[in-house]
Amino acid sequence: ELVDAAHVARITIRRFLSGEKVSEGTIEAIAKAL
């Protein structure tokens, strides 16, 4: 659901939740979806 709402790749979501760094655009997309 988060992948669909944020239009972010599943692997990027997992990278984020695993504690890896992600881009500003990714953060904004995830926050907007949530």
Full PDB file with SEQRES, HELIX, SHEET, SSBOND, CRYST1, ORIGX, SCALE, CONECT and MASTER records, all heavy atoms in Angstrom:
SEQRES   1 A   34  GLU LEU VAL ASP ALA ALA HIS VAL ALA ARG ILE THR ILE          
SEQRES   2 A   34  ARG ARG PHE LEU SER GLY GLU LYS VAL SER GLU GLY THR          
SEQRES   3 A   34  ILE GLU ALA ILE ALA LYS ALA LEU                              
HELIX    1 AA1 LEU A    2  ALA A    6  1                                   5    
HELIX    2 AA2 ARG A   10  LEU A   17  1                                   8    
HELIX    3 AA3 GLU A   24  ALA A   33  1                                  10    
CRYST1    1.000    1.000    1.000  90.00  90.00  90.00 P 1           1          
ORIGX1      1.000000  0.000000  0.000000        0.00000                         
ORIGX2      0.000000  1.000000  0.000000        0.00000                         
ORIGX3      0.000000  0.000000  1.000000        0.00000                         
SCALE1      1.000000  0.000000  0.000000        0.00000                         
SCALE2      0.000000  1.000000  0.000000        0.00000                         
SCALE3      0.000000  0.000000  1.000000        0.00000                         
ATOM      1  N   GLU A   1       0.828  -1.203   0.000  1.00  0.00           N  
ATOM      2  CA  GLU A   1       0.000   0.000   0.000  1.00  0.00           C  
ATOM      3  C   GLU A   1       0.862   1.253   0.000  1.00  0.00           C  
ATOM      4  O   GLU A   1       0.549   2.237  -0.677  1.00  0.00           O  
ATOM      5  CB  GLU A   1      -0.917  -0.007   1.228  1.00  0.00           C  
ATOM      6  CG  GLU A   1      -2.045  -1.029   1.135  1.00  0.00           C  
ATOM      7  CD  GLU A   1      -2.766  -1.236   2.456  1.00  0.00           C  
ATOM      8  OE1 GLU A   1      -2.229  -0.809   3.514  1.00  0.00           O  
ATOM      9  OE2 GLU A   1      -3.857  -1.833   2.437  1.00  0.00           O  
ATOM     10  N   LEU A   2       1.966   1.221   0.758  1.00  0.00           N  
ATOM     11  CA  LEU A   2       2.855   2.379   0.796  1.00  0.00           C  
ATOM     12  C   LEU A   2       3.575   2.566  -0.537  1.00  0.00           C  
ATOM     13  O   LEU A   2       3.757   3.691  -1.005  1.00  0.00           O  
ATOM     14  CB  LEU A   2       3.867   2.222   1.934  1.00  0.00           C  
ATOM     15  CG  LEU A   2       4.794   3.411   2.194  1.00  0.00           C  
ATOM     16  CD1 LEU A   2       4.000   4.697   2.385  1.00  0.00           C  
ATOM     17  CD2 LEU A   2       5.678   3.146   3.405  1.00  0.00           C  
ATOM     18  N   VAL A   3       3.979   1.473  -1.153  1.00  0.00           N  
ATOM     19  CA  VAL A   3       4.606   1.541  -2.485  1.00  0.00           C  
ATOM     20  C   VAL A   3       3.665   2.201  -3.480  1.00  0.00           C  
ATOM     21  O   VAL A   3       4.056   3.095  -4.242  1.00  0.00           O  
ATOM     22  CB  VAL A   3       5.006   0.124  -2.967  1.00  0.00           C  
ATOM     23  CG1 VAL A   3       5.340   0.134  -4.453  1.00  0.00           C  
ATOM     24  CG2 VAL A   3       6.195  -0.398  -2.168  1.00  0.00           C  
ATOM     25  N   ASP A   4       2.405   1.779  -3.477  1.00  0.00           N  
ATOM     26  CA  ASP A   4       1.420   2.331  -4.411  1.00  0.00           C  
ATOM     27  C   ASP A   4       1.125   3.800  -4.123  1.00  0.00           C  
ATOM     28  O   ASP A   4       1.006   4.623  -5.039  1.00  0.00           O  
ATOM     29  CB  ASP A   4       0.123   1.522  -4.350  1.00  0.00           C  
ATOM     30  CG  ASP A   4       0.282   0.124  -4.913  1.00  0.00           C  
ATOM     31  OD1 ASP A   4       1.259  -0.101  -5.656  1.00  0.00           O  
ATOM     32  OD2 ASP A   4      -0.553  -0.749  -4.600  1.00  0.00           O  
ATOM     33  N   ALA A   5       0.984   4.143  -2.848  1.00  0.00           N  
ATOM     34  CA  ALA A   5       0.607   5.509  -2.484  1.00  0.00           C  
ATOM     35  C   ALA A   5       1.745   6.497  -2.685  1.00  0.00           C  
ATOM     36  O   ALA A   5       1.526   7.649  -3.077  1.00  0.00           O  
ATOM     37  CB  ALA A   5       0.136   5.550  -1.023  1.00  0.00           C  
ATOM     38  N   ALA A   6       2.979   6.054  -2.421  1.00  0.00           N  
ATOM     39  CA  ALA A   6       4.125   6.960  -2.501  1.00  0.00           C  
ATOM     40  C   ALA A   6       4.811   6.921  -3.866  1.00  0.00           C  
ATOM     41  O   ALA A   6       5.646   7.780  -4.161  1.00  0.00           O  
ATOM     42  CB  ALA A   6       5.143   6.617  -1.402  1.00  0.00           C  
ATOM     43  N   HIS A   7       4.465   5.921  -4.682  1.00  0.00           N  
ATOM     44  CA  HIS A   7       5.131   5.731  -5.988  1.00  0.00           C  
ATOM     45  C   HIS A   7       6.643   5.609  -5.788  1.00  0.00           C  
ATOM     46  O   HIS A   7       7.443   6.226  -6.492  1.00  0.00           O  
ATOM     47  CB  HIS A   7       4.805   6.887  -6.942  1.00  0.00           C  
ATOM     48  CG  HIS A   7       3.344   7.093  -7.160  1.00  0.00           C  
ATOM     49  ND1 HIS A   7       2.550   6.203  -7.856  1.00  0.00           N  
ATOM     50  CD2 HIS A   7       2.512   8.076  -6.722  1.00  0.00           C  
ATOM     51  CE1 HIS A   7       1.299   6.630  -7.875  1.00  0.00           C  
ATOM     52  NE2 HIS A   7       1.247   7.764  -7.186  1.00  0.00           N  
ATOM     53  N   VAL A   8       7.001   4.804  -4.797  1.00  0.00           N  
ATOM     54  CA  VAL A   8       8.400   4.536  -4.464  1.00  0.00           C  
ATOM     55  C   VAL A   8       8.618   3.037  -4.549  1.00  0.00           C  
ATOM     56  O   VAL A   8       7.741   2.254  -4.172  1.00  0.00           O  
ATOM     57  CB  VAL A   8       8.726   5.050  -3.034  1.00  0.00           C  
ATOM     58  CG1 VAL A   8      10.127   4.636  -2.618  1.00  0.00           C  
ATOM     59  CG2 VAL A   8       8.601   6.566  -2.976  1.00  0.00           C  
ATOM     60  N   ALA A   9       9.779   2.628  -5.053  1.00  0.00           N  
ATOM     61  CA  ALA A   9      10.058   1.206  -5.214  1.00  0.00           C  
ATOM     62  C   ALA A   9      10.049   0.491  -3.868  1.00  0.00           C  
ATOM     63  O   ALA A   9      10.462   1.041  -2.849  1.00  0.00           O  
ATOM     64  CB  ALA A   9      11.416   1.015  -5.893  1.00  0.00           C  
ATOM     65  N   ARG A  10       9.592  -0.749  -3.877  1.00  0.00           N  
ATOM     66  CA  ARG A  10       9.531  -1.542  -2.648  1.00  0.00           C  
ATOM     67  C   ARG A  10      10.906  -1.651  -1.989  1.00  0.00           C  
ATOM     68  O   ARG A  10      11.023  -1.565  -0.771  1.00  0.00           O  
ATOM     69  CB  ARG A  10       8.984  -2.938  -2.966  1.00  0.00           C  
ATOM     70  CG  ARG A  10       8.709  -3.783  -1.728  1.00  0.00           C  
ATOM     71  CD  ARG A  10       8.207  -5.176  -2.131  1.00  0.00           C  
ATOM     72  NE  ARG A  10       7.938  -6.003  -0.959  1.00  0.00           N  
ATOM     73  CZ  ARG A  10       6.772  -6.087  -0.352  1.00  0.00           C  
ATOM     74  NH1 ARG A  10       5.768  -5.372  -0.789  1.00  0.00           N  
ATOM     75  NH2 ARG A  10       6.607  -6.870   0.698  1.00  0.00           N  
ATOM     76  N   ILE A  11      11.954  -1.840  -2.814  1.00  0.00           N  
ATOM     77  CA  ILE A  11      13.300  -1.979  -2.250  1.00  0.00           C  
ATOM     78  C   ILE A  11      13.731  -0.694  -1.553  1.00  0.00           C  
ATOM     79  O   ILE A  11      14.467  -0.714  -0.562  1.00  0.00           O  
ATOM     80  CB  ILE A  11      14.321  -2.376  -3.359  1.00  0.00           C  
ATOM     81  CG1 ILE A  11      15.689  -2.672  -2.752  1.00  0.00           C  
ATOM     82  CG2 ILE A  11      14.434  -1.262  -4.398  1.00  0.00           C  
ATOM     83  CD1 ILE A  11      15.707  -3.829  -1.781  1.00  0.00           C  
ATOM     84  N   THR A  12      13.258   0.461  -2.053  1.00  0.00           N  
ATOM     85  CA  THR A  12      13.594   1.735  -1.413  1.00  0.00           C  
ATOM     86  C   THR A  12      12.901   1.859  -0.063  1.00  0.00           C  
ATOM     87  O   THR A  12      13.493   2.339   0.906  1.00  0.00           O  
ATOM     88  CB  THR A  12      13.198   2.908  -2.327  1.00  0.00           C  
ATOM     89  OG1 THR A  12      13.814   2.734  -3.601  1.00  0.00           O  
ATOM     90  CG2 THR A  12      13.642   4.239  -1.736  1.00  0.00           C  
ATOM     91  N   ILE A  13      11.629   1.421  -0.004  1.00  0.00           N  
ATOM     92  CA  ILE A  13      10.918   1.410   1.276  1.00  0.00           C  
ATOM     93  C   ILE A  13      11.670   0.530   2.265  1.00  0.00           C  
ATOM     94  O   ILE A  13      11.863   0.885   3.434  1.00  0.00           O  
ATOM     95  CB  ILE A  13       9.477   0.892   1.115  1.00  0.00           C  
ATOM     96  CG1 ILE A  13       8.683   1.769   0.134  1.00  0.00           C  
ATOM     97  CG2 ILE A  13       8.781   0.802   2.469  1.00  0.00           C  
ATOM     98  CD1 ILE A  13       8.378   3.150   0.633  1.00  0.00           C  
ATOM     99  N   ARG A  14      12.119  -0.629   1.817  1.00  0.00           N  
ATOM    100  CA  ARG A  14      12.846  -1.534   2.713  1.00  0.00           C  
ATOM    101  C   ARG A  14      14.179  -0.928   3.141  1.00  0.00           C  
ATOM    102  O   ARG A  14      14.594  -1.069   4.293  1.00  0.00           O  
ATOM    103  CB  ARG A  14      13.080  -2.889   2.034  1.00  0.00           C  
ATOM    104  CG  ARG A  14      13.777  -3.861   2.966  1.00  0.00           C  
ATOM    105  CD  ARG A  14      13.620  -5.290   2.539  1.00  0.00           C  
ATOM    106  NE  ARG A  14      12.234  -5.719   2.485  1.00  0.00           N  
ATOM    107  CZ  ARG A  14      11.483  -5.934   3.546  1.00  0.00           C  
ATOM    108  NH1 ARG A  14      11.966  -5.716   4.753  1.00  0.00           N  
ATOM    109  NH2 ARG A  14      10.245  -6.325   3.419  1.00  0.00           N  
ATOM    110  N   ARG A  15      14.857  -0.246   2.215  1.00  0.00           N  
ATOM    111  CA  ARG A  15      16.116   0.414   2.583  1.00  0.00           C  
ATOM    112  C   ARG A  15      15.872   1.422   3.695  1.00  0.00           C  
ATOM    113  O   ARG A  15      16.625   1.507   4.657  1.00  0.00           O  
ATOM    114  CB  ARG A  15      16.716   1.138   1.368  1.00  0.00           C  
ATOM    115  CG  ARG A  15      17.402   0.252   0.346  1.00  0.00           C  
ATOM    116  CD  ARG A  15      17.950   1.115  -0.787  1.00  0.00           C  
ATOM    117  NE  ARG A  15      18.872   2.110  -0.272  1.00  0.00           N  
ATOM    118  CZ  ARG A  15      19.068   3.309  -0.823  1.00  0.00           C  
ATOM    119  NH1 ARG A  15      18.376   3.676  -1.889  1.00  0.00           N  
ATOM    120  NH2 ARG A  15      19.928   4.145  -0.296  1.00  0.00           N  
ATOM    121  N   PHE A  16      14.794   2.177   3.543  1.00  0.00           N  
ATOM    122  CA  PHE A  16      14.458   3.196   4.545  1.00  0.00           C  
ATOM    123  C   PHE A  16      14.204   2.556   5.908  1.00  0.00           C  
ATOM    124  O   PHE A  16      14.736   2.981   6.926  1.00  0.00           O  
ATOM    125  CB  PHE A  16      13.237   3.982   4.070  1.00  0.00           C  
ATOM    126  CG  PHE A  16      12.678   4.930   5.101  1.00  0.00           C  
ATOM    127  CD1 PHE A  16      13.341   6.100   5.407  1.00  0.00           C  
ATOM    128  CD2 PHE A  16      11.512   4.632   5.774  1.00  0.00           C  
ATOM    129  CE1 PHE A  16      12.840   6.973   6.366  1.00  0.00           C  
ATOM    130  CE2 PHE A  16      11.004   5.491   6.726  1.00  0.00           C  
ATOM    131  CZ  PHE A  16      11.673   6.670   7.030  1.00  0.00           C  
ATOM    132  N   LEU A  17      13.377   1.502   5.931  1.00  0.00           N  
ATOM    133  CA  LEU A  17      13.038   0.853   7.192  1.00  0.00           C  
ATOM    134  C   LEU A  17      14.214   0.089   7.780  1.00  0.00           C  
ATOM    135  O   LEU A  17      14.243  -0.183   8.979  1.00  0.00           O  
ATOM    136  CB  LEU A  17      11.845  -0.086   6.996  1.00  0.00           C  
ATOM    137  CG  LEU A  17      10.506   0.601   6.741  1.00  0.00           C  
ATOM    138  CD1 LEU A  17       9.440  -0.419   6.384  1.00  0.00           C  
ATOM    139  CD2 LEU A  17      10.078   1.408   7.952  1.00  0.00           C  
ATOM    140  N   SER A  18      15.191  -0.267   6.941  1.00  0.00           N  
ATOM    141  CA  SER A  18      16.373  -0.968   7.433  1.00  0.00           C  
ATOM    142  C   SER A  18      17.431  -0.013   7.979  1.00  0.00           C  
ATOM    143  O   SER A  18      18.466  -0.444   8.461  1.00  0.00           O  
ATOM    144  CB  SER A  18      16.991  -1.812   6.307  1.00  0.00           C  
ATOM    145  OG  SER A  18      16.097  -2.793   5.874  1.00  0.00           O  
ATOM    146  N   GLY A  19      17.168   1.295   7.854  1.00  0.00           N  
ATOM    147  CA  GLY A  19      18.106   2.257   8.418  1.00  0.00           C  
ATOM    148  C   GLY A  19      19.091   2.817   7.412  1.00  0.00           C  
ATOM    149  O   GLY A  19      20.022   3.536   7.780  1.00  0.00           O  
ATOM    150  N   GLU A  20      18.930   2.490   6.114  1.00  0.00           N  
ATOM    151  CA  GLU A  20      19.817   3.059   5.102  1.00  0.00           C  
ATOM    152  C   GLU A  20      19.317   4.449   4.720  1.00  0.00           C  
ATOM    153  O   GLU A  20      18.164   4.803   4.949  1.00  0.00           O  
ATOM    154  CB  GLU A  20      19.860   2.147   3.873  1.00  0.00           C  
ATOM    155  CG  GLU A  20      20.384   0.751   4.180  1.00  0.00           C  
ATOM    156  CD  GLU A  20      20.401  -0.123   2.940  1.00  0.00           C  
ATOM    157  OE1 GLU A  20      20.726   0.397   1.853  1.00  0.00           O  
ATOM    158  OE2 GLU A  20      20.059  -1.312   3.056  1.00  0.00           O  
ATOM    159  N   LYS A  21      20.206   5.240   4.122  1.00  0.00           N  
ATOM    160  CA  LYS A  21      19.837   6.593   3.735  1.00  0.00           C  
ATOM    161  C   LYS A  21      19.063   6.596   2.414  1.00  0.00           C  
ATOM    162  O   LYS A  21      19.308   5.772   1.533  1.00  0.00           O  
ATOM    163  CB  LYS A  21      21.084   7.467   3.618  1.00  0.00           C  
ATOM    164  CG  LYS A  21      21.778   7.697   4.958  1.00  0.00           C  
ATOM    165  CD  LYS A  21      22.912   8.692   4.826  1.00  0.00           C  
ATOM    166  CE  LYS A  21      23.502   9.011   6.202  1.00  0.00           C  
ATOM    167  NZ  LYS A  21      24.553  10.057   6.126  1.00  0.00           N  
ATOM    168  N   VAL A  22      18.120   7.514   2.304  1.00  0.00           N  
ATOM    169  CA  VAL A  22      17.337   7.666   1.083  1.00  0.00           C  
ATOM    170  C   VAL A  22      17.254   9.145   0.737  1.00  0.00           C  
ATOM    171  O   VAL A  22      17.568  10.008   1.543  1.00  0.00           O  
ATOM    172  CB  VAL A  22      15.912   7.082   1.246  1.00  0.00           C  
ATOM    173  CG1 VAL A  22      15.963   5.585   1.432  1.00  0.00           C  
ATOM    174  CG2 VAL A  22      15.190   7.727   2.427  1.00  0.00           C  
ATOM    175  N   SER A  23      16.826   9.445  -0.490  1.00  0.00           N  
ATOM    176  CA  SER A  23      16.850  10.817  -0.971  1.00  0.00           C  
ATOM    177  C   SER A  23      15.745  11.667  -0.367  1.00  0.00           C  
ATOM    178  O   SER A  23      14.751  11.165   0.166  1.00  0.00           O  
ATOM    179  CB  SER A  23      16.718  10.838  -2.500  1.00  0.00           C  
ATOM    180  OG  SER A  23      15.402  10.480  -2.873  1.00  0.00           O  
ATOM    181  N   GLU A  24      15.928  12.983  -0.491  1.00  0.00           N  
ATOM    182  CA  GLU A  24      14.926  13.932   0.005  1.00  0.00           C  
ATOM    183  C   GLU A  24      13.589  13.713  -0.686  1.00  0.00           C  
ATOM    184  O   GLU A  24      12.526  13.761  -0.060  1.00  0.00           O  
ATOM    185  CB  GLU A  24      15.420  15.363  -0.235  1.00  0.00           C  
ATOM    186  CG  GLU A  24      14.451  16.432   0.230  1.00  0.00           C  
ATOM    187  CD  GLU A  24      14.988  17.833  -0.032  1.00  0.00           C  
ATOM    188  OE1 GLU A  24      16.221  18.008  -0.053  1.00  0.00           O  
ATOM    189  OE2 GLU A  24      14.180  18.738  -0.210  1.00  0.00           O  
ATOM    190  N   GLY A  25      13.627  13.474  -1.998  1.00  0.00           N  
ATOM    191  CA  GLY A  25      12.387  13.250  -2.736  1.00  0.00           C  
ATOM    192  C   GLY A  25      11.637  12.027  -2.231  1.00  0.00           C  
ATOM    193  O   GLY A  25      10.407  12.020  -2.156  1.00  0.00           O  
ATOM    194  N   THR A  26      12.395  10.980  -1.877  1.00  0.00           N  
ATOM    195  CA  THR A  26      11.777   9.773  -1.338  1.00  0.00           C  
ATOM    196  C   THR A  26      11.104  10.057  -0.006  1.00  0.00           C  
ATOM    197  O   THR A  26       9.973   9.631   0.247  1.00  0.00           O  
ATOM    198  CB  THR A  26      12.831   8.669  -1.166  1.00  0.00           C  
ATOM    199  OG1 THR A  26      13.328   8.289  -2.460  1.00  0.00           O  
ATOM    200  CG2 THR A  26      12.239   7.447  -0.476  1.00  0.00           C  
ATOM    201  N   ILE A  27      11.800  10.798   0.858  1.00  0.00           N  
ATOM    202  CA  ILE A  27      11.236  11.137   2.166  1.00  0.00           C  
ATOM    203  C   ILE A  27       9.942  11.927   1.998  1.00  0.00           C  
ATOM    204  O   ILE A  27       8.936  11.672   2.669  1.00  0.00           O  
ATOM    205  CB  ILE A  27      12.242  11.961   2.996  1.00  0.00           C  
ATOM    206  CG1 ILE A  27      13.458  11.109   3.353  1.00  0.00           C  
ATOM    207  CG2 ILE A  27      11.588  12.505   4.258  1.00  0.00           C  
ATOM    208  CD1 ILE A  27      13.157   9.922   4.212  1.00  0.00           C  
ATOM    209  N   GLU A  28       9.948  12.909   1.100  1.00  0.00           N  
ATOM    210  CA  GLU A  28       8.746  13.718   0.887  1.00  0.00           C  
ATOM    211  C   GLU A  28       7.595  12.865   0.363  1.00  0.00           C  
ATOM    212  O   GLU A  28       6.443  13.048   0.759  1.00  0.00           O  
ATOM    213  CB  GLU A  28       9.057  14.861  -0.082  1.00  0.00           C  
ATOM    214  CG  GLU A  28       9.957  15.938   0.546  1.00  0.00           C  
ATOM    215  CD  GLU A  28      10.266  17.073  -0.409  1.00  0.00           C  
ATOM    216  OE1 GLU A  28      10.385  16.792  -1.628  1.00  0.00           O  
ATOM    217  OE2 GLU A  28      10.387  18.222   0.042  1.00  0.00           O  
ATOM    218  N   ALA A  29       7.904  11.906  -0.525  1.00  0.00           N  
ATOM    219  CA  ALA A  29       6.854  11.050  -1.090  1.00  0.00           C  
ATOM    220  C   ALA A  29       6.257  10.138  -0.024  1.00  0.00           C  
ATOM    221  O   ALA A  29       5.035   9.949   0.040  1.00  0.00           O  
ATOM    222  CB  ALA A  29       7.429  10.212  -2.234  1.00  0.00           C  
ATOM    223  N   ILE A  30       7.110   9.563   0.828  1.00  0.00           N  
ATOM    224  CA  ILE A  30       6.626   8.674   1.888  1.00  0.00           C  
ATOM    225  C   ILE A  30       5.788   9.465   2.889  1.00  0.00           C  
ATOM    226  O   ILE A  30       4.707   9.033   3.301  1.00  0.00           O  
ATOM    227  CB  ILE A  30       7.810   7.984   2.595  1.00  0.00           C  
ATOM    228  CG1 ILE A  30       8.504   7.013   1.636  1.00  0.00           C  
ATOM    229  CG2 ILE A  30       7.346   7.249   3.845  1.00  0.00           C  
ATOM    230  CD1 ILE A  30       9.768   6.391   2.191  1.00  0.00           C  
ATOM    231  N   ALA A  31       6.290  10.641   3.279  1.00  0.00           N  
ATOM    232  CA  ALA A  31       5.564  11.461   4.256  1.00  0.00           C  
ATOM    233  C   ALA A  31       4.203  11.886   3.699  1.00  0.00           C  
ATOM    234  O   ALA A  31       3.192  11.852   4.412  1.00  0.00           O  
ATOM    235  CB  ALA A  31       6.395  12.687   4.629  1.00  0.00           C  
ATOM    236  N   LYS A  32       4.169  12.258   2.431  1.00  0.00           N  
ATOM    237  CA  LYS A  32       2.896  12.681   1.821  1.00  0.00           C  
ATOM    238  C   LYS A  32       1.908  11.521   1.813  1.00  0.00           C  
ATOM    239  O   LYS A  32       0.714  11.703   2.099  1.00  0.00           O  
ATOM    240  CB  LYS A  32       3.147  13.188   0.399  1.00  0.00           C  
ATOM    241  CG  LYS A  32       1.886  13.701  -0.289  1.00  0.00           C  
ATOM    242  CD  LYS A  32       2.204  14.244  -1.688  1.00  0.00           C  
ATOM    243  CE  LYS A  32       0.936  14.748  -2.375  1.00  0.00           C  
ATOM    244  NZ  LYS A  32       1.211  15.250  -3.736  1.00  0.00           N  
ATOM    245  N   ALA A  33       2.391  10.326   1.482  1.00  0.00           N  
ATOM    246  CA  ALA A  33       1.509   9.158   1.443  1.00  0.00           C  
ATOM    247  C   ALA A  33       0.948   8.833   2.824  1.00  0.00           C  
ATOM    248  O   ALA A  33      -0.195   8.400   2.959  1.00  0.00           O  
ATOM    249  CB  ALA A  33       2.264   7.952   0.885  1.00  0.00           C  
ATOM    250  N   LEU A  34       1.753   9.079   3.854  1.00  0.00           N  
ATOM    251  CA  LEU A  34       1.330   8.783   5.223  1.00  0.00           C  
ATOM    252  C   LEU A  34       0.573   9.949   5.866  1.00  0.00           C  
ATOM    253  O   LEU A  34       0.123   9.837   7.004  1.00  0.00           O  
ATOM    254  CB  LEU A  34       2.549   8.438   6.081  1.00  0.00           C  
ATOM    255  CG  LEU A  34       3.308   7.163   5.691  1.00  0.00           C  
ATOM    256  CD1 LEU A  34       4.568   7.024   6.511  1.00  0.00           C  
ATOM    257  CD2 LEU A  34       2.430   5.941   5.871  1.00  0.00           C  
TER     258      LEU A  34                                                      
MASTER        0    0    0    3    0    0    0    6  257    1    0    3          
END                                                                             
